Amino acid sequence: MLVQRVVFNIKDNDYRLIVAIAYRFGAVYIKFVGTHAQYDRVEAATVEDP
């Protein structure tokens, strides 16, 4: 299954949203929501939001 991470900039780059998209199933999974500073401390390819 092909799952790709996508990063969205929210509110003029103040916040970041990382999602994993499973195109085959048409599903989007939220992996991380945080400030730009918090985003700088995570690895976008592997982060899992609790």
Protein backbone atom coordinates (compact mmCIF):
# COMPACT_ATOMS: atom_id res chain seq x y z
CA MET A 1 0.00 0.00 0.00
CA LEU A 2 1.40 3.37 -1.04
CA VAL A 3 1.19 5.90 1.80
CA GLN A 4 2.65 9.34 1.28
CA ARG A 5 3.17 12.12 3.82
CA VAL A 6 2.05 15.63 2.98
CA VAL A 7 2.76 18.81 4.97
CA PHE A 8 0.29 21.69 4.98
CA ASN A 9 1.18 25.20 6.13
CA ILE A 10 -1.65 26.76 8.12
CA LYS A 11 -2.20 30.42 9.00
CA ASP A 12 0.69 31.86 7.05
CA ASN A 13 3.20 29.22 8.25
CA ASP A 14 2.36 29.62 11.96
CA TYR A 15 1.13 26.00 12.17
CA ARG A 16 1.92 22.76 10.37
CA LEU A 17 -0.27 19.76 9.65
CA ILE A 18 1.30 16.46 8.57
CA VAL A 19 -0.98 13.83 7.09
CA ALA A 20 -0.44 10.38 5.64
CA ILE A 21 -2.52 9.70 2.54
CA ALA A 22 -3.41 6.14 1.56
CA TYR A 23 -4.41 6.77 -2.04
CA ARG A 24 -5.58 3.21 -2.68
CA PHE A 25 -8.16 3.44 0.11
CA GLY A 26 -8.92 7.15 -0.24
CA ALA A 27 -7.99 7.74 3.40
CA VAL A 28 -6.18 10.60 5.11
CA TYR A 29 -4.59 10.12 8.53
CA ILE A 30 -3.55 13.07 10.68
CA LYS A 31 -0.03 12.43 11.99
CA PHE A 32 0.94 15.79 13.50
CA VAL A 33 -0.55 19.21 14.25
CA GLY A 34 1.65 21.84 15.85
CA THR A 35 3.40 25.15 15.62
CA HIS A 36 6.19 25.82 13.17
CA ALA A 37 8.70 25.59 16.05
CA GLN A 38 7.34 22.17 17.10
CA TYR A 39 7.48 20.98 13.49
CA ASP A 40 11.18 21.85 13.37
CA ARG A 41 11.78 19.29 16.17
CA VAL A 42 10.03 16.30 14.52
CA GLU A 43 10.87 14.01 11.62
CA ALA A 44 7.99 14.48 9.15
CA ALA A 45 8.47 11.08 7.52
CA THR A 46 8.04 9.13 10.77
CA VAL A 47 6.16 11.31 13.27
CA GLU A 48 3.07 9.83 14.97
CA ASP A 49 0.84 12.20 16.93
CA PRO A 50 -0.44 10.54 20.13
